[in-house]
Amino acid sequence: MNNDLSNHSADDLARLTGAASLTSPSREADLAALPWNPHPSFPGVALKHLVTGAETGGALSAHLVRVEPGCCLMEHVHAANLELHEVVRGAGTCSLAHKTVRYEPGACGLIPAGVAHSVRADAGETLYILAKFAPALV
């Protein structure tokens, strides 16, 4: 089942992020209206930048990550960023520090700075992860 949200309602995005809008001192954002950005290195992966480092003084960023069926965020490292994943829809696996864990809705993964990791969506299902980084991704 492909769960492409490019043409779905704010209610669909609310189910994925827990909110249909974001309020901060600097802006009001309709999260459903934010664009999907293709990942520069991993085909079949796109990011929706919910909170950027520019908004938090570099302290935090948050991104909705979409991994198309069978696609993968190949092994990589964020040398200076702690990363927290929350699986909000779909299923797949995360390889983290030489162990593989199941990613399904409700699962969380904590990835310390400097630790290699990868994420793969199951065949036939799009995986959505809410990824938070501290400090923010640049």
N, C-alpha and C. Protein backbone atom coordinates (compact mmCIF):
# COMPACT_ATOMS: atom_id res chain seq x y z
N MET A 1 0.85 -1.17 0.00
CA MET A 1 0.00 0.00 0.00
C MET A 1 0.90 1.23 0.00
N ASN A 2 0.69 2.13 -0.94
CA ASN A 2 1.46 3.37 -1.01
C ASN A 2 0.68 4.46 -0.31
N ASN A 3 1.31 5.09 0.67
CA ASN A 3 0.65 6.12 1.49
C ASN A 3 1.14 7.50 1.11
N ASP A 4 1.29 7.81 -0.18
CA ASP A 4 1.77 9.12 -0.63
C ASP A 4 0.80 10.19 -0.18
N LEU A 5 1.30 11.17 0.56
CA LEU A 5 0.43 12.22 1.13
C LEU A 5 0.45 13.50 0.34
N SER A 6 1.03 13.52 -0.85
CA SER A 6 1.16 14.77 -1.57
C SER A 6 -0.18 15.41 -1.88
N ASN A 7 -1.25 14.64 -1.98
CA ASN A 7 -2.56 15.19 -2.33
C ASN A 7 -3.59 14.93 -1.24
N HIS A 8 -3.15 14.67 -0.02
CA HIS A 8 -4.07 14.37 1.05
C HIS A 8 -4.34 15.61 1.89
N SER A 9 -5.32 15.50 2.76
CA SER A 9 -5.78 16.64 3.55
C SER A 9 -4.89 16.91 4.74
N ALA A 10 -5.14 18.06 5.38
CA ALA A 10 -4.44 18.41 6.61
C ALA A 10 -4.73 17.37 7.69
N ASP A 11 -5.92 16.75 7.65
CA ASP A 11 -6.24 15.70 8.63
C ASP A 11 -5.28 14.54 8.52
N ASP A 12 -4.90 14.16 7.28
CA ASP A 12 -3.93 13.08 7.09
C ASP A 12 -2.59 13.45 7.70
N LEU A 13 -2.14 14.66 7.47
CA LEU A 13 -0.87 15.09 8.03
C LEU A 13 -0.96 15.18 9.55
N ALA A 14 -2.11 15.60 10.05
CA ALA A 14 -2.29 15.66 11.50
C ALA A 14 -2.12 14.28 12.11
N ARG A 15 -2.61 13.25 11.44
CA ARG A 15 -2.44 11.89 11.95
C ARG A 15 -0.97 11.49 11.94
N LEU A 16 -0.21 12.02 11.00
CA LEU A 16 1.21 11.68 10.93
C LEU A 16 2.05 12.47 11.92
N THR A 17 1.76 13.71 12.14
CA THR A 17 2.63 14.56 12.96
C THR A 17 2.03 14.88 14.31
N GLY A 18 0.77 14.57 14.52
CA GLY A 18 0.12 14.94 15.76
C GLY A 18 -0.43 16.36 15.72
N ALA A 19 -0.21 17.07 14.61
CA ALA A 19 -0.70 18.45 14.49
C ALA A 19 -0.85 18.79 13.02
N ALA A 20 -1.85 19.59 12.70
CA ALA A 20 -2.03 20.06 11.33
C ALA A 20 -1.38 21.42 11.14
N SER A 21 -1.00 22.06 12.25
CA SER A 21 -0.37 23.37 12.15
C SER A 21 0.73 23.47 13.21
N LEU A 22 1.60 24.42 12.98
CA LEU A 22 2.70 24.69 13.92
C LEU A 22 2.64 26.16 14.27
N THR A 23 2.67 26.46 15.55
CA THR A 23 2.68 27.84 16.01
C THR A 23 3.97 28.08 16.78
N SER A 24 4.64 29.17 16.43
CA SER A 24 5.83 29.60 17.16
C SER A 24 5.81 31.12 17.21
N PRO A 25 6.69 31.73 18.00
CA PRO A 25 6.71 33.19 18.03
C PRO A 25 6.98 33.82 16.67
N SER A 26 7.67 33.08 15.78
CA SER A 26 8.05 33.66 14.50
C SER A 26 7.13 33.31 13.34
N ARG A 27 6.25 32.29 13.50
CA ARG A 27 5.42 31.93 12.35
C ARG A 27 4.25 31.04 12.73
N GLU A 28 3.28 31.01 11.84
CA GLU A 28 2.19 30.04 11.85
C GLU A 28 2.36 29.23 10.57
N ALA A 29 2.36 27.92 10.68
CA ALA A 29 2.58 27.10 9.49
C ALA A 29 1.50 26.03 9.37
N ASP A 30 0.97 25.89 8.18
CA ASP A 30 0.07 24.79 7.83
C ASP A 30 0.99 23.65 7.39
N LEU A 31 1.15 22.63 8.21
CA LEU A 31 2.12 21.58 7.92
C LEU A 31 1.80 20.83 6.64
N ALA A 32 0.52 20.71 6.31
CA ALA A 32 0.16 20.02 5.07
C ALA A 32 0.64 20.80 3.85
N ALA A 33 0.78 22.12 3.98
CA ALA A 33 1.18 22.95 2.85
C ALA A 33 2.69 22.98 2.64
N LEU A 34 3.47 22.51 3.62
CA LEU A 34 4.92 22.52 3.46
C LEU A 34 5.32 21.54 2.36
N PRO A 35 6.33 21.87 1.56
CA PRO A 35 6.70 21.00 0.45
C PRO A 35 7.49 19.77 0.89
N TRP A 36 7.38 18.71 0.13
CA TRP A 36 8.27 17.57 0.26
C TRP A 36 9.53 17.88 -0.53
N ASN A 37 10.69 17.62 0.05
CA ASN A 37 11.98 17.88 -0.58
C ASN A 37 12.69 16.55 -0.78
N PRO A 38 13.03 16.20 -2.03
CA PRO A 38 13.76 14.95 -2.25
C PRO A 38 15.08 14.95 -1.48
N HIS A 39 15.39 13.83 -0.85
CA HIS A 39 16.67 13.73 -0.14
C HIS A 39 17.79 13.83 -1.16
N PRO A 40 18.83 14.62 -0.89
CA PRO A 40 19.89 14.82 -1.89
C PRO A 40 20.74 13.58 -2.15
N SER A 41 20.73 12.59 -1.25
CA SER A 41 21.61 11.43 -1.41
C SER A 41 20.89 10.10 -1.57
N PHE A 42 19.62 10.01 -1.15
CA PHE A 42 18.95 8.72 -1.11
C PHE A 42 17.68 8.73 -1.96
N PRO A 43 17.69 8.05 -3.12
CA PRO A 43 16.49 7.98 -3.97
C PRO A 43 15.32 7.34 -3.21
N GLY A 44 14.12 7.85 -3.45
CA GLY A 44 12.93 7.31 -2.81
C GLY A 44 12.70 7.84 -1.41
N VAL A 45 13.50 8.82 -0.99
CA VAL A 45 13.36 9.41 0.34
C VAL A 45 13.11 10.91 0.18
N ALA A 46 12.12 11.42 0.91
CA ALA A 46 11.80 12.85 0.87
C ALA A 46 11.62 13.36 2.30
N LEU A 47 11.85 14.67 2.47
CA LEU A 47 11.77 15.32 3.78
C LEU A 47 10.81 16.49 3.72
N LYS A 48 10.06 16.65 4.78
CA LYS A 48 9.23 17.83 4.99
C LYS A 48 9.81 18.51 6.22
N HIS A 49 10.38 19.70 6.05
CA HIS A 49 11.06 20.39 7.14
C HIS A 49 10.03 21.13 8.00
N LEU A 50 9.72 20.56 9.16
CA LEU A 50 8.69 21.11 10.03
C LEU A 50 9.22 22.26 10.88
N VAL A 51 10.42 22.07 11.44
CA VAL A 51 11.08 23.09 12.26
C VAL A 51 12.53 23.11 11.82
N THR A 52 13.05 24.30 11.51
CA THR A 52 14.42 24.41 11.03
C THR A 52 15.32 25.02 12.10
N GLY A 53 16.61 24.82 11.93
CA GLY A 53 17.58 25.41 12.84
C GLY A 53 17.51 26.92 12.87
N ALA A 54 17.12 27.53 11.75
CA ALA A 54 17.00 28.99 11.72
C ALA A 54 15.95 29.48 12.71
N GLU A 55 14.93 28.66 12.97
CA GLU A 55 13.87 29.04 13.90
C GLU A 55 14.24 28.81 15.36
N THR A 56 15.25 27.97 15.59
CA THR A 56 15.58 27.57 16.97
C THR A 56 16.99 27.99 17.38
N GLY A 57 17.60 28.87 16.62
CA GLY A 57 18.97 29.26 16.92
C GLY A 57 19.94 28.11 16.81
N GLY A 58 19.60 27.14 15.98
CA GLY A 58 20.46 25.98 15.77
C GLY A 58 20.30 24.87 16.79
N ALA A 59 19.39 25.04 17.74
CA ALA A 59 19.26 24.06 18.82
C ALA A 59 18.57 22.76 18.41
N LEU A 60 17.60 22.85 17.49
CA LEU A 60 16.74 21.71 17.18
C LEU A 60 16.20 21.85 15.77
N SER A 61 16.01 20.72 15.10
CA SER A 61 15.22 20.71 13.88
C SER A 61 14.34 19.46 13.90
N ALA A 62 13.21 19.51 13.20
CA ALA A 62 12.28 18.39 13.12
C ALA A 62 11.84 18.23 11.68
N HIS A 63 11.80 16.99 11.22
CA HIS A 63 11.53 16.69 9.82
C HIS A 63 10.64 15.46 9.73
N LEU A 64 9.62 15.52 8.88
CA LEU A 64 8.86 14.34 8.54
C LEU A 64 9.59 13.68 7.39
N VAL A 65 9.97 12.42 7.56
CA VAL A 65 10.75 11.69 6.57
C VAL A 65 9.85 10.64 5.93
N ARG A 66 9.81 10.63 4.60
CA ARG A 66 9.01 9.65 3.85
C ARG A 66 9.98 8.74 3.10
N VAL A 67 9.88 7.44 3.37
CA VAL A 67 10.72 6.45 2.69
C VAL A 67 9.78 5.57 1.88
N GLU A 68 9.91 5.65 0.56
CA GLU A 68 9.03 4.89 -0.33
C GLU A 68 9.26 3.38 -0.17
N PRO A 69 8.27 2.57 -0.54
CA PRO A 69 8.37 1.12 -0.37
C PRO A 69 9.68 0.55 -0.93
N GLY A 70 10.37 -0.24 -0.10
CA GLY A 70 11.60 -0.89 -0.52
C GLY A 70 12.81 0.02 -0.60
N CYS A 71 12.65 1.32 -0.36
CA CYS A 71 13.78 2.26 -0.44
C CYS A 71 14.47 2.35 0.91
N CYS A 72 15.66 2.98 0.89
CA CYS A 72 16.50 2.97 2.08
C CYS A 72 17.28 4.26 2.25
N LEU A 73 17.34 4.72 3.48
CA LEU A 73 18.34 5.71 3.89
C LEU A 73 19.57 4.86 4.20
N MET A 74 20.48 4.77 3.26
CA MET A 74 21.66 3.91 3.42
C MET A 74 22.45 4.34 4.65
N GLU A 75 23.34 3.46 5.10
CA GLU A 75 24.11 3.75 6.31
C GLU A 75 24.80 5.10 6.21
N HIS A 76 24.61 5.89 7.27
CA HIS A 76 25.21 7.22 7.35
C HIS A 76 25.37 7.60 8.81
N VAL A 77 26.09 8.69 9.04
CA VAL A 77 26.40 9.15 10.38
C VAL A 77 26.15 10.65 10.45
N HIS A 78 25.56 11.09 11.53
CA HIS A 78 25.47 12.52 11.84
C HIS A 78 26.49 12.75 12.95
N ALA A 79 27.64 13.26 12.59
CA ALA A 79 28.77 13.36 13.52
C ALA A 79 28.47 14.22 14.74
N ALA A 80 27.65 15.24 14.58
CA ALA A 80 27.44 16.20 15.68
C ALA A 80 25.99 16.28 16.14
N ASN A 81 25.11 15.37 15.66
CA ASN A 81 23.68 15.49 15.95
C ASN A 81 23.13 14.25 16.63
N LEU A 82 22.47 14.44 17.75
CA LEU A 82 21.63 13.41 18.34
C LEU A 82 20.36 13.35 17.50
N GLU A 83 19.89 12.16 17.21
CA GLU A 83 18.69 12.01 16.37
C GLU A 83 17.69 11.12 17.09
N LEU A 84 16.43 11.55 17.08
CA LEU A 84 15.35 10.77 17.67
C LEU A 84 14.31 10.51 16.59
N HIS A 85 14.01 9.23 16.33
CA HIS A 85 12.99 8.84 15.37
C HIS A 85 11.73 8.43 16.11
N GLU A 86 10.59 8.83 15.56
CA GLU A 86 9.29 8.33 15.99
C GLU A 86 8.56 7.85 14.75
N VAL A 87 8.28 6.57 14.67
CA VAL A 87 7.59 6.01 13.51
C VAL A 87 6.12 6.34 13.64
N VAL A 88 5.58 7.00 12.61
CA VAL A 88 4.19 7.43 12.67
C VAL A 88 3.28 6.67 11.72
N ARG A 89 3.85 6.06 10.68
CA ARG A 89 3.04 5.24 9.76
C ARG A 89 3.98 4.35 8.97
N GLY A 90 3.45 3.20 8.59
CA GLY A 90 4.23 2.28 7.77
C GLY A 90 5.08 1.34 8.62
N ALA A 91 5.98 0.64 7.93
CA ALA A 91 6.82 -0.33 8.62
C ALA A 91 8.13 -0.50 7.88
N GLY A 92 9.14 -0.91 8.64
CA GLY A 92 10.44 -1.15 8.07
C GLY A 92 11.41 -1.57 9.15
N THR A 93 12.69 -1.35 8.90
CA THR A 93 13.72 -1.70 9.86
C THR A 93 14.73 -0.57 9.97
N CYS A 94 15.36 -0.51 11.13
CA CYS A 94 16.46 0.42 11.37
C CYS A 94 17.66 -0.40 11.83
N SER A 95 18.77 -0.22 11.15
CA SER A 95 20.02 -0.83 11.59
C SER A 95 20.77 0.24 12.36
N LEU A 96 21.12 -0.10 13.59
CA LEU A 96 21.70 0.87 14.51
C LEU A 96 22.79 0.18 15.32
N ALA A 97 24.01 0.65 15.15
CA ALA A 97 25.13 0.11 15.93
C ALA A 97 25.17 -1.42 15.85
N HIS A 98 25.07 -1.95 14.66
CA HIS A 98 25.20 -3.39 14.38
C HIS A 98 24.06 -4.24 14.90
N LYS A 99 22.89 -3.63 15.16
CA LYS A 99 21.70 -4.43 15.44
C LYS A 99 20.56 -3.86 14.62
N THR A 100 19.63 -4.72 14.28
CA THR A 100 18.49 -4.32 13.47
C THR A 100 17.23 -4.39 14.33
N VAL A 101 16.45 -3.31 14.28
CA VAL A 101 15.21 -3.25 15.05
C VAL A 101 14.03 -2.99 14.11
N ARG A 102 12.88 -3.44 14.51
CA ARG A 102 11.66 -3.28 13.73
C ARG A 102 11.11 -1.87 13.94
N TYR A 103 10.78 -1.21 12.85
CA TYR A 103 10.15 0.11 12.90
C TYR A 103 8.69 -0.04 12.48
N GLU A 104 7.80 0.23 13.43
CA GLU A 104 6.35 0.23 13.21
C GLU A 104 5.78 1.39 14.00
N PRO A 105 4.54 1.83 13.72
CA PRO A 105 3.98 2.97 14.44
C PRO A 105 4.11 2.81 15.95
N GLY A 106 4.60 3.88 16.57
CA GLY A 106 4.82 3.89 18.00
C GLY A 106 6.25 3.59 18.40
N ALA A 107 7.02 2.98 17.50
CA ALA A 107 8.43 2.69 17.81
C ALA A 107 9.24 3.98 17.75
N CYS A 108 10.22 4.07 18.64
CA CYS A 108 11.15 5.20 18.66
C CYS A 108 12.57 4.66 18.61
N GLY A 109 13.44 5.40 17.98
CA GLY A 109 14.85 5.04 17.94
C GLY A 109 15.69 6.24 18.32
N LEU A 110 16.60 6.05 19.26
CA LEU A 110 17.52 7.11 19.68
C LEU A 110 18.88 6.81 19.09
N ILE A 111 19.39 7.75 18.30
CA ILE A 111 20.65 7.56 17.59
C ILE A 111 21.63 8.62 18.08
N PRO A 112 22.61 8.21 18.90
CA PRO A 112 23.59 9.17 19.39
C PRO A 112 24.43 9.74 18.24
N ALA A 113 24.97 10.92 18.45
CA ALA A 113 25.87 11.53 17.47
C ALA A 113 27.02 10.56 17.19
N GLY A 114 27.39 10.46 15.92
CA GLY A 114 28.53 9.64 15.53
C GLY A 114 28.24 8.17 15.35
N VAL A 115 26.98 7.72 15.53
CA VAL A 115 26.63 6.31 15.39
C VAL A 115 26.04 6.06 14.00
N ALA A 116 26.61 5.09 13.29
CA ALA A 116 26.12 4.73 11.96
C ALA A 116 24.74 4.09 12.07
N HIS A 117 23.87 4.44 11.12
CA HIS A 117 22.52 3.89 11.10
C HIS A 117 21.97 3.93 9.68
N SER A 118 20.96 3.09 9.43
CA SER A 118 20.24 3.09 8.16
C SER A 118 18.79 2.73 8.46
N VAL A 119 17.90 3.11 7.54
CA VAL A 119 16.48 2.83 7.68
C VAL A 119 15.96 2.35 6.33
N ARG A 120 15.22 1.25 6.34
CA ARG A 120 14.64 0.70 5.11
C ARG A 120 13.14 0.49 5.31
N ALA A 121 12.35 0.94 4.33
CA ALA A 121 10.90 0.69 4.34
C ALA A 121 10.64 -0.72 3.81
N ASP A 122 9.62 -1.36 4.35
CA ASP A 122 9.22 -2.66 3.83
C ASP A 122 8.73 -2.51 2.39
N ALA A 123 8.83 -3.57 1.62
CA ALA A 123 8.29 -3.59 0.27
C ALA A 123 6.77 -3.41 0.36
N GLY A 124 6.22 -2.59 -0.51
CA GLY A 124 4.78 -2.41 -0.56
C GLY A 124 4.19 -1.43 0.44
N GLU A 125 5.04 -0.77 1.24
CA GLU A 125 4.50 0.16 2.23
C GLU A 125 5.44 1.35 2.42
N THR A 126 4.86 2.55 2.40
CA THR A 126 5.64 3.76 2.65
C THR A 126 5.82 3.93 4.16
N LEU A 127 7.04 4.28 4.56
CA LEU A 127 7.38 4.48 5.96
C LEU A 127 7.49 5.97 6.23
N TYR A 128 6.84 6.45 7.28
CA TYR A 128 6.91 7.85 7.69
C TYR A 128 7.51 7.92 9.10
N ILE A 129 8.55 8.74 9.24
CA ILE A 129 9.24 8.91 10.52
C ILE A 129 9.29 10.40 10.85
N LEU A 130 8.98 10.74 12.08
CA LEU A 130 9.21 12.10 12.56
C LEU A 130 10.61 12.07 13.18
N ALA A 131 11.55 12.77 12.54
CA ALA A 131 12.95 12.78 12.98
C ALA A 131 13.28 14.14 13.58
N LYS A 132 13.83 14.09 14.79
CA LYS A 132 14.22 15.33 15.49
C LYS A 132 15.72 15.30 15.71
N PHE A 133 16.38 16.43 15.49
CA PHE A 133 17.83 16.52 15.60
C PHE A 133 18.21 17.62 16.59
N ALA A 134 19.19 17.31 17.45
CA ALA A 134 19.76 18.30 18.35
C ALA A 134 21.29 18.12 18.35
N PRO A 135 22.04 19.16 18.03
CA PRO A 135 21.57 20.42 17.46
C PRO A 135 20.94 20.20 16.08
N ALA A 136 20.37 21.25 15.55
CA ALA A 136 19.64 21.17 14.28
C ALA A 136 20.52 20.72 13.14
N LEU A 137 19.90 20.02 12.18
CA LEU A 137 20.57 19.74 10.91
C LEU A 137 20.79 21.05 10.19
N VAL A 138 21.89 21.15 9.50
CA VAL A 138 22.18 22.38 8.74
C VAL A 138 21.64 22.22 7.34
